[in-house]
Amino acid sequence: MLKIHSIKVTVVNVETEDVLSYYINPKMHIRDVKRELRRKGILTKGMCMFYNDIELLDKQQVKEIGIKDGSELELRPKE
């Protein structure tokens, strides 16, 4: 059985300057990550998630994007 290592990332809301250390499963889809961040109150309606200045799509899996331990995800308003 394979063990899945959670990835520790920093999530930054650029509007409010809120910062959250967050663990994600590499097999998660971005839509699931967003759902959890909405529940925590750091992601609000009308915001998008970015990694390396690229907007992340709901259907993408974390492992497909190349997010690694220590990465930073930014939450910004839709442009």
C-alpha atoms as a PDB file:
ATOM      1  CA  MET A   1       0.000   0.000   0.000  1.00  0.00           C
ATOM      2  CA  LEU A   2       1.318   3.424  -0.942  1.00  0.00           C
ATOM      3  CA  LYS A   3       1.425   6.145   1.653  1.00  0.00           C
ATOM      4  CA  ILE A   4       0.493   9.615   0.506  1.00  0.00           C
ATOM      5  CA  HIS A   5       2.559  12.435   1.941  1.00  0.00           C
ATOM      6  CA  SER A   6       0.616  15.633   2.591  1.00  0.00           C
ATOM      7  CA  ILE A   7       2.087  18.812   1.175  1.00  0.00           C
ATOM      8  CA  LYS A   8       2.492  21.811   3.479  1.00  0.00           C
ATOM      9  CA  VAL A   9       1.784  25.077   1.670  1.00  0.00           C
ATOM     10  CA  THR A  10       1.290  28.686   2.648  1.00  0.00           C
ATOM     11  CA  VAL A  11      -1.960  30.241   1.464  1.00  0.00           C
ATOM     12  CA  VAL A  12      -1.954  34.044   1.178  1.00  0.00           C
ATOM     13  CA  ASN A  13      -5.036  36.191   0.625  1.00  0.00           C
ATOM     14  CA  VAL A  14      -3.464  39.216  -1.071  1.00  0.00           C
ATOM     15  CA  GLU A  15      -6.512  41.414  -0.372  1.00  0.00           C
ATOM     16  CA  THR A  16      -6.733  40.870   3.379  1.00  0.00           C
ATOM     17  CA  GLU A  17      -3.100  39.790   3.905  1.00  0.00           C
ATOM     18  CA  ASP A  18      -4.357  36.721   5.791  1.00  0.00           C
ATOM     19  CA  VAL A  19      -1.809  33.890   5.799  1.00  0.00           C
ATOM     20  CA  LEU A  20      -2.557  30.251   6.518  1.00  0.00           C
ATOM     21  CA  SER A  21      -0.265  27.225   6.770  1.00  0.00           C
ATOM     22  CA  TYR A  22      -2.230  24.432   5.163  1.00  0.00           C
ATOM     23  CA  TYR A  23      -1.730  20.735   4.397  1.00  0.00           C
ATOM     24  CA  ILE A  24      -3.105  19.337   1.151  1.00  0.00           C
ATOM     25  CA  ASN A  25      -3.291  15.868  -0.334  1.00  0.00           C
ATOM     26  CA  PRO A  26      -1.517  15.697  -3.728  1.00  0.00           C
ATOM     27  CA  LYS A  27      -4.487  13.770  -5.139  1.00  0.00           C
ATOM     28  CA  MET A  28      -6.964  16.545  -4.300  1.00  0.00           C
ATOM     29  CA  HIS A  29      -8.534  18.616  -7.042  1.00  0.00           C
ATOM     30  CA  ILE A  30      -8.254  22.397  -6.815  1.00  0.00           C
ATOM     31  CA  ARG A  31     -12.061  22.650  -6.451  1.00  0.00           C
ATOM     32  CA  ASP A  32     -11.774  20.621  -3.211  1.00  0.00           C
ATOM     33  CA  VAL A  33      -8.943  22.804  -1.901  1.00  0.00           C
ATOM     34  CA  LYS A  34     -11.039  25.913  -2.651  1.00  0.00           C
ATOM     35  CA  ARG A  35     -14.061  24.402  -0.887  1.00  0.00           C
ATOM     36  CA  GLU A  36     -12.018  23.825   2.285  1.00  0.00           C
ATOM     37  CA  LEU A  37     -10.520  27.330   2.158  1.00  0.00           C
ATOM     38  CA  ARG A  38     -14.035  28.815   1.812  1.00  0.00           C
ATOM     39  CA  ARG A  39     -15.084  26.912   4.939  1.00  0.00           C
ATOM     40  CA  LYS A  40     -12.083  28.356   6.777  1.00  0.00           C
ATOM     41  CA  GLY A  41     -13.074  31.858   5.624  1.00  0.00           C
ATOM     42  CA  ILE A  42      -9.834  32.725   3.823  1.00  0.00           C
ATOM     43  CA  LEU A  43     -11.260  32.330   0.287  1.00  0.00           C
ATOM     44  CA  THR A  44     -14.227  34.521  -0.566  1.00  0.00           C
ATOM     45  CA  LYS A  45     -16.567  34.670  -3.541  1.00  0.00           C
ATOM     46  CA  GLY A  46     -15.029  36.189  -6.645  1.00  0.00           C
ATOM     47  CA  MET A  47     -11.475  35.128  -5.804  1.00  0.00           C
ATOM     48  CA  CYS A  48      -9.146  32.864  -7.778  1.00  0.00           C
ATOM     49  CA  MET A  49      -6.221  30.731  -6.666  1.00  0.00           C
ATOM     50  CA  PHE A  50      -2.774  31.189  -8.227  1.00  0.00           C
ATOM     51  CA  TYR A  51       0.500  29.268  -8.109  1.00  0.00           C
ATOM     52  CA  ASN A  52       3.597  30.827  -9.693  1.00  0.00           C
ATOM     53  CA  ASP A  53       1.351  33.568 -11.118  1.00  0.00           C
ATOM     54  CA  ILE A  54      -0.791  31.025 -13.008  1.00  0.00           C
ATOM     55  CA  GLU A  55      -4.495  30.708 -12.219  1.00  0.00           C
ATOM     56  CA  LEU A  56      -5.393  27.206 -11.040  1.00  0.00           C
ATOM     57  CA  LEU A  57      -8.394  25.468 -12.575  1.00  0.00           C
ATOM     58  CA  ASP A  58     -10.934  23.544 -10.508  1.00  0.00           C
ATOM     59  CA  LYS A  59     -10.439  20.324 -12.484  1.00  0.00           C
ATOM     60  CA  GLN A  60      -6.649  20.205 -11.924  1.00  0.00           C
ATOM     61  CA  GLN A  61      -5.110  17.873  -9.367  1.00  0.00           C
ATOM     62  CA  VAL A  62      -2.506  19.260  -6.978  1.00  0.00           C
ATOM     63  CA  LYS A  63       0.098  16.707  -8.141  1.00  0.00           C
ATOM     64  CA  GLU A  64      -0.384  17.739 -11.816  1.00  0.00           C
ATOM     65  CA  ILE A  65       0.510  21.340 -11.043  1.00  0.00           C
ATOM     66  CA  GLY A  66       3.817  20.574  -9.351  1.00  0.00           C
ATOM     67  CA  ILE A  67       2.964  22.087  -5.968  1.00  0.00           C
ATOM     68  CA  LYS A  68       5.563  20.963  -3.416  1.00  0.00           C
ATOM     69  CA  ASP A  69       6.244  21.365   0.311  1.00  0.00           C
ATOM     70  CA  GLY A  70       6.836  25.018   1.102  1.00  0.00           C
ATOM     71  CA  SER A  71       4.991  26.335  -1.959  1.00  0.00           C
ATOM     72  CA  GLU A  72       2.881  29.482  -1.726  1.00  0.00           C
ATOM     73  CA  LEU A  73      -0.632  29.717  -3.123  1.00  0.00           C
ATOM     74  CA  GLU A  74      -2.120  33.174  -3.633  1.00  0.00           C
ATOM     75  CA  LEU A  75      -5.783  34.070  -3.438  1.00  0.00           C
ATOM     76  CA  ARG A  76      -6.637  37.121  -5.539  1.00  0.00           C
ATOM     77  CA  PRO A  77      -9.776  38.762  -6.924  1.00  0.00           C
ATOM     78  CA  LYS A  78     -10.842  37.731 -10.419  1.00  0.00           C
ATOM     79  CA  GLU A  79      -9.509  40.142 -13.001  1.00  0.00           C
END
